């Protein structure tokens, strides 16, 4: 099994470096054409995912419940709930009173 993996890997490496072998339609000779970017990107993606799997790392990024946006929303909800429970006099807005100008006009 290891031999098959080694052969496949060396063939992919060879094709990426030198191109795919094709027969020229007019001359009939064997020529190499570069691998299309689309296929090179697919090879890269698969290789990268497999490398991450071997290293026991995630292969996709998902939004979980501990994201910064989610935590900010939760904090806003909790803070609004706490502010509603605090009596006005504890906030310091009602006890101060308004100082009036005692001078007569």
N, C-alpha and C. Protein backbone atom coordinates (compact mmCIF):
# COMPACT_ATOMS: atom_id res chain seq x y z
N UNK A 1 0.82 -1.19 0.00
CA UNK A 1 0.00 0.00 0.00
C UNK A 1 0.87 1.26 0.00
N UNK A 2 1.94 1.26 0.78
CA UNK A 2 2.84 2.41 0.85
C UNK A 2 3.48 2.65 -0.51
N UNK A 3 3.80 1.59 -1.23
CA UNK A 3 4.41 1.74 -2.56
C UNK A 3 3.45 2.42 -3.53
N UNK A 4 2.18 2.07 -3.45
CA UNK A 4 1.17 2.69 -4.33
C UNK A 4 1.05 4.18 -4.02
N UNK A 5 1.06 4.51 -2.74
CA UNK A 5 0.98 5.93 -2.34
C UNK A 5 2.21 6.68 -2.84
N UNK A 6 3.40 6.08 -2.69
CA UNK A 6 4.63 6.73 -3.16
C UNK A 6 4.62 6.94 -4.67
N UNK A 7 4.20 5.92 -5.43
CA UNK A 7 4.13 6.05 -6.89
C UNK A 7 3.13 7.13 -7.30
N UNK A 8 1.98 7.13 -6.66
CA UNK A 8 0.96 8.14 -6.99
C UNK A 8 1.45 9.54 -6.68
N UNK A 9 2.09 9.70 -5.54
CA UNK A 9 2.61 11.00 -5.15
C UNK A 9 3.68 11.49 -6.11
N UNK A 10 4.58 10.59 -6.52
CA UNK A 10 5.63 11.01 -7.46
C UNK A 10 5.05 11.34 -8.83
N UNK A 11 4.00 10.63 -9.24
CA UNK A 11 3.36 10.92 -10.53
C UNK A 11 2.66 12.28 -10.49
N UNK A 12 1.97 12.56 -9.41
CA UNK A 12 1.31 13.87 -9.26
C UNK A 12 2.35 14.98 -9.24
N UNK A 13 3.43 14.78 -8.50
CA UNK A 13 4.51 15.77 -8.45
C UNK A 13 5.10 16.00 -9.84
N UNK A 14 5.34 14.92 -10.58
CA UNK A 14 5.91 15.01 -11.93
C UNK A 14 4.97 15.80 -12.85
N UNK A 15 3.68 15.51 -12.77
CA UNK A 15 2.72 16.20 -13.64
C UNK A 15 2.60 17.67 -13.28
N UNK A 16 2.67 17.98 -12.00
CA UNK A 16 2.59 19.38 -11.60
C UNK A 16 3.83 20.15 -12.07
N UNK A 17 4.99 19.51 -12.03
CA UNK A 17 6.23 20.18 -12.42
C UNK A 17 6.41 20.26 -13.93
N UNK A 18 6.13 19.16 -14.63
CA UNK A 18 6.43 19.10 -16.07
C UNK A 18 5.21 19.18 -16.97
N UNK A 19 4.02 19.01 -16.40
CA UNK A 19 2.81 19.08 -17.20
C UNK A 19 2.28 17.70 -17.57
N UNK A 20 1.07 17.68 -18.10
CA UNK A 20 0.44 16.43 -18.55
C UNK A 20 0.96 16.07 -19.93
N UNK A 21 1.20 14.80 -20.13
CA UNK A 21 1.63 14.34 -21.46
C UNK A 21 0.44 14.13 -22.37
N UNK A 22 0.51 14.70 -23.57
CA UNK A 22 -0.55 14.55 -24.58
C UNK A 22 0.10 14.33 -25.95
N UNK A 23 -0.67 13.84 -26.86
CA UNK A 23 -0.23 13.69 -28.25
C UNK A 23 -0.69 14.92 -29.02
N UNK A 24 0.27 15.59 -29.68
CA UNK A 24 -0.06 16.77 -30.47
C UNK A 24 -0.94 16.34 -31.63
N UNK A 25 -2.09 17.00 -31.85
CA UNK A 25 -3.03 16.55 -32.88
C UNK A 25 -2.49 16.65 -34.32
N UNK A 26 -1.62 17.60 -34.60
CA UNK A 26 -1.13 17.75 -35.97
C UNK A 26 0.11 16.92 -36.24
N UNK A 27 1.04 16.93 -35.27
CA UNK A 27 2.32 16.26 -35.51
C UNK A 27 2.34 14.82 -35.01
N UNK A 28 1.47 14.50 -34.07
CA UNK A 28 1.45 13.14 -33.52
C UNK A 28 2.55 12.88 -32.50
N UNK A 29 3.33 13.89 -32.17
CA UNK A 29 4.40 13.67 -31.19
C UNK A 29 3.90 13.91 -29.76
N UNK A 30 4.61 13.31 -28.82
CA UNK A 30 4.29 13.45 -27.40
C UNK A 30 4.82 14.78 -26.88
N UNK A 31 3.91 15.61 -26.31
CA UNK A 31 4.31 16.90 -25.74
C UNK A 31 3.71 17.03 -24.34
N UNK A 32 4.29 17.93 -23.58
CA UNK A 32 3.78 18.21 -22.23
C UNK A 32 3.09 19.57 -22.22
N UNK A 33 1.88 19.59 -21.65
CA UNK A 33 1.18 20.87 -21.47
C UNK A 33 1.00 21.11 -19.98
N UNK A 34 1.07 22.36 -19.55
CA UNK A 34 0.94 22.65 -18.12
C UNK A 34 -0.41 22.16 -17.57
N UNK A 35 -0.39 21.75 -16.32
CA UNK A 35 -1.62 21.35 -15.64
C UNK A 35 -2.48 22.59 -15.47
N UNK A 36 -3.77 22.45 -15.72
CA UNK A 36 -4.68 23.59 -15.58
C UNK A 36 -4.76 24.01 -14.12
N UNK A 37 -4.90 25.30 -13.91
CA UNK A 37 -4.93 25.86 -12.56
C UNK A 37 -6.05 25.23 -11.72
N UNK A 38 -7.16 24.94 -12.37
CA UNK A 38 -8.30 24.33 -11.67
C UNK A 38 -7.89 23.00 -11.04
N UNK A 39 -7.17 22.17 -11.79
CA UNK A 39 -6.76 20.87 -11.28
C UNK A 39 -5.64 21.00 -10.24
N UNK A 40 -4.77 21.96 -10.44
CA UNK A 40 -3.71 22.20 -9.45
C UNK A 40 -4.32 22.65 -8.12
N UNK A 41 -5.38 23.47 -8.19
CA UNK A 41 -6.06 23.93 -6.98
C UNK A 41 -6.75 22.77 -6.28
N UNK A 42 -7.35 21.87 -7.03
CA UNK A 42 -8.00 20.69 -6.44
C UNK A 42 -6.96 19.81 -5.74
N UNK A 43 -5.84 19.58 -6.40
CA UNK A 43 -4.76 18.78 -5.80
C UNK A 43 -4.28 19.43 -4.51
N UNK A 44 -4.10 20.75 -4.55
CA UNK A 44 -3.66 21.48 -3.36
C UNK A 44 -4.67 21.34 -2.23
N UNK A 45 -5.94 21.53 -2.53
CA UNK A 45 -6.99 21.44 -1.51
C UNK A 45 -7.05 20.07 -0.85
N UNK A 46 -7.01 19.03 -1.66
CA UNK A 46 -7.05 17.67 -1.13
C UNK A 46 -5.81 17.39 -0.29
N UNK A 47 -4.66 17.80 -0.79
CA UNK A 47 -3.41 17.58 -0.05
C UNK A 47 -3.41 18.32 1.28
N UNK A 48 -3.88 19.55 1.26
CA UNK A 48 -3.92 20.37 2.46
C UNK A 48 -4.87 19.76 3.50
N UNK A 49 -6.06 19.32 3.05
CA UNK A 49 -7.02 18.70 3.96
C UNK A 49 -6.44 17.43 4.58
N UNK A 50 -5.78 16.61 3.76
CA UNK A 50 -5.19 15.37 4.28
C UNK A 50 -4.06 15.66 5.27
N UNK A 51 -3.27 16.67 5.00
CA UNK A 51 -2.21 17.04 5.92
C UNK A 51 -2.79 17.47 7.27
N UNK A 52 -3.87 18.25 7.23
CA UNK A 52 -4.51 18.69 8.47
C UNK A 52 -5.12 17.52 9.22
N UNK A 53 -5.67 16.54 8.50
CA UNK A 53 -6.21 15.36 9.16
C UNK A 53 -5.12 14.57 9.85
N UNK A 54 -3.98 14.42 9.18
CA UNK A 54 -2.85 13.69 9.77
C UNK A 54 -2.39 14.38 11.05
N UNK A 55 -2.42 15.71 11.06
CA UNK A 55 -1.99 16.49 12.23
C UNK A 55 -3.09 16.68 13.26
N UNK A 56 -4.24 16.04 13.01
CA UNK A 56 -5.39 16.12 13.90
C UNK A 56 -5.87 17.56 14.08
N UNK A 57 -5.90 18.31 12.97
CA UNK A 57 -6.38 19.69 12.96
C UNK A 57 -7.67 19.75 12.16
N UNK A 58 -8.52 20.76 12.41
CA UNK A 58 -9.78 20.85 11.67
C UNK A 58 -9.55 21.13 10.19
N UNK A 59 -10.43 20.59 9.36
CA UNK A 59 -10.33 20.81 7.91
C UNK A 59 -11.34 21.81 7.40
N UNK A 60 -12.22 22.29 8.26
CA UNK A 60 -13.14 23.36 7.86
C UNK A 60 -13.34 24.32 9.02
N UNK A 61 -13.74 25.49 8.66
CA UNK A 61 -13.99 26.53 9.65
C UNK A 61 -15.49 26.70 9.77
N UNK A 62 -16.00 26.58 10.99
CA UNK A 62 -17.42 26.77 11.23
C UNK A 62 -17.60 27.79 12.33
N UNK A 63 -18.71 28.47 12.28
CA UNK A 63 -19.02 29.45 13.31
C UNK A 63 -19.65 28.69 14.47
N UNK A 64 -19.01 28.77 15.62
CA UNK A 64 -19.55 28.08 16.78
C UNK A 64 -20.20 29.09 17.73
N UNK A 65 -20.76 28.59 18.80
CA UNK A 65 -21.50 29.43 19.72
C UNK A 65 -20.60 30.34 20.56
N UNK A 66 -19.29 30.16 20.51
CA UNK A 66 -18.41 31.02 21.31
C UNK A 66 -17.74 32.10 20.47
N UNK A 67 -18.33 32.39 19.32
CA UNK A 67 -17.74 33.43 18.48
C UNK A 67 -17.87 34.78 19.17
N UNK A 68 -17.05 35.72 18.76
CA UNK A 68 -17.05 37.05 19.37
C UNK A 68 -18.41 37.72 19.19
N UNK A 69 -19.00 37.58 18.00
CA UNK A 69 -20.31 38.20 17.76
C UNK A 69 -21.37 37.64 18.71
N UNK A 70 -21.34 36.32 18.88
CA UNK A 70 -22.32 35.69 19.76
C UNK A 70 -22.12 36.16 21.20
N UNK A 71 -20.87 36.23 21.65
CA UNK A 71 -20.60 36.68 23.02
C UNK A 71 -21.02 38.13 23.21
N UNK A 72 -20.81 38.98 22.21
CA UNK A 72 -21.22 40.38 22.31
C UNK A 72 -22.75 40.50 22.42
N UNK A 73 -23.46 39.68 21.64
CA UNK A 73 -24.91 39.69 21.72
C UNK A 73 -25.39 39.25 23.10
N UNK A 74 -24.80 38.19 23.62
CA UNK A 74 -25.17 37.68 24.94
C UNK A 74 -24.90 38.73 26.02
N UNK A 75 -23.75 39.40 25.93
CA UNK A 75 -23.40 40.43 26.90
C UNK A 75 -24.41 41.59 26.85
N UNK A 76 -24.80 41.99 25.65
CA UNK A 76 -25.79 43.07 25.52
C UNK A 76 -27.12 42.66 26.13
N UNK A 77 -27.54 41.44 25.90
CA UNK A 77 -28.81 40.96 26.46
C UNK A 77 -28.74 40.93 27.98
N UNK A 78 -27.66 40.40 28.51
CA UNK A 78 -27.51 40.31 29.97
C UNK A 78 -27.42 41.69 30.60
N UNK A 79 -26.68 42.60 30.00
CA UNK A 79 -26.54 43.94 30.58
C UNK A 79 -27.86 44.68 30.55
N UNK A 80 -28.65 44.54 29.49
CA UNK A 80 -29.96 45.18 29.45
C UNK A 80 -30.87 44.63 30.54
N UNK A 81 -30.80 43.34 30.77
CA UNK A 81 -31.60 42.72 31.83
C UNK A 81 -31.19 43.22 33.20
N UNK A 82 -29.91 43.39 33.45
CA UNK A 82 -29.44 43.87 34.74
C UNK A 82 -29.83 45.32 34.96
N UNK A 83 -29.73 46.15 33.93
CA UNK A 83 -30.08 47.57 34.07
C UNK A 83 -31.55 47.75 34.41
N UNK A 84 -32.39 46.88 33.91
CA UNK A 84 -33.82 46.98 34.22
C UNK A 84 -34.10 46.63 35.68
N UNK A 85 -33.28 45.78 36.27
CA UNK A 85 -33.51 45.33 37.65
C UNK A 85 -32.97 46.32 38.69
N UNK A 86 -32.05 47.19 38.31
CA UNK A 86 -31.46 48.13 39.27
C UNK A 86 -32.40 49.30 39.45
N UNK A 87 -32.80 49.61 40.71
CA UNK A 87 -33.68 50.77 40.94
C UNK A 87 -33.00 52.06 40.49
N UNK A 88 -33.78 53.01 40.11
CA UNK A 88 -33.27 54.26 39.57
C UNK A 88 -32.38 54.97 40.58
N UNK A 89 -32.73 54.96 41.89
CA UNK A 89 -31.93 55.68 42.87
C UNK A 89 -30.53 55.08 43.02
N UNK A 90 -30.35 53.80 42.68
CA UNK A 90 -29.02 53.19 42.75
C UNK A 90 -28.14 53.59 41.57
N UNK A 91 -28.75 54.00 40.49
CA UNK A 91 -27.99 54.43 39.32
C UNK A 91 -27.41 55.82 39.52
N UNK A 92 -27.94 56.56 40.50
CA UNK A 92 -27.41 57.88 40.77
C UNK A 92 -28.09 58.99 40.00
N UNK A 93 -29.17 58.69 39.32
CA UNK A 93 -29.82 59.73 38.53
C UNK A 93 -30.94 60.43 39.27
N UNK A 94 -31.66 59.72 40.16
CA UNK A 94 -32.82 60.32 40.81
C UNK A 94 -32.46 61.04 42.10
N UNK A 95 -31.45 60.62 42.84
CA UNK A 95 -31.12 61.19 44.14
C UNK A 95 -30.43 62.54 44.08
N UNK A 96 -29.85 62.88 43.01
CA UNK A 96 -29.06 64.11 42.94
C UNK A 96 -29.92 65.36 42.96
N UNK A 97 -31.07 65.26 42.41
CA UNK A 97 -31.94 66.44 42.36
C UNK A 97 -31.39 67.48 41.41
N UNK A 98 -32.20 68.48 41.14
CA UNK A 98 -31.78 69.54 40.23
C UNK A 98 -31.47 70.77 41.04
N UNK A 99 -30.30 71.33 40.89
CA UNK A 99 -29.95 72.57 41.59
C UNK A 99 -30.57 73.73 40.82
N UNK A 100 -31.32 74.52 41.54
CA UNK A 100 -31.99 75.63 40.88
C UNK A 100 -31.28 76.92 41.25
N UNK A 101 -31.36 77.82 40.37
CA UNK A 101 -30.79 79.13 40.60
C UNK A 101 -31.73 79.90 41.53
N UNK A 102 -31.26 80.25 42.73
CA UNK A 102 -32.12 80.89 43.71
C UNK A 102 -32.21 82.41 43.50
N UNK A 103 -31.43 82.94 42.63
CA UNK A 103 -31.49 84.37 42.40
C UNK A 103 -32.77 84.72 41.67
N UNK A 104 -33.35 85.72 42.11
CA UNK A 104 -34.57 86.14 41.47
C UNK A 104 -34.24 86.95 40.23
N UNK A 105 -35.02 86.78 39.25
CA UNK A 105 -34.82 87.52 38.01
C UNK A 105 -35.43 88.87 38.07
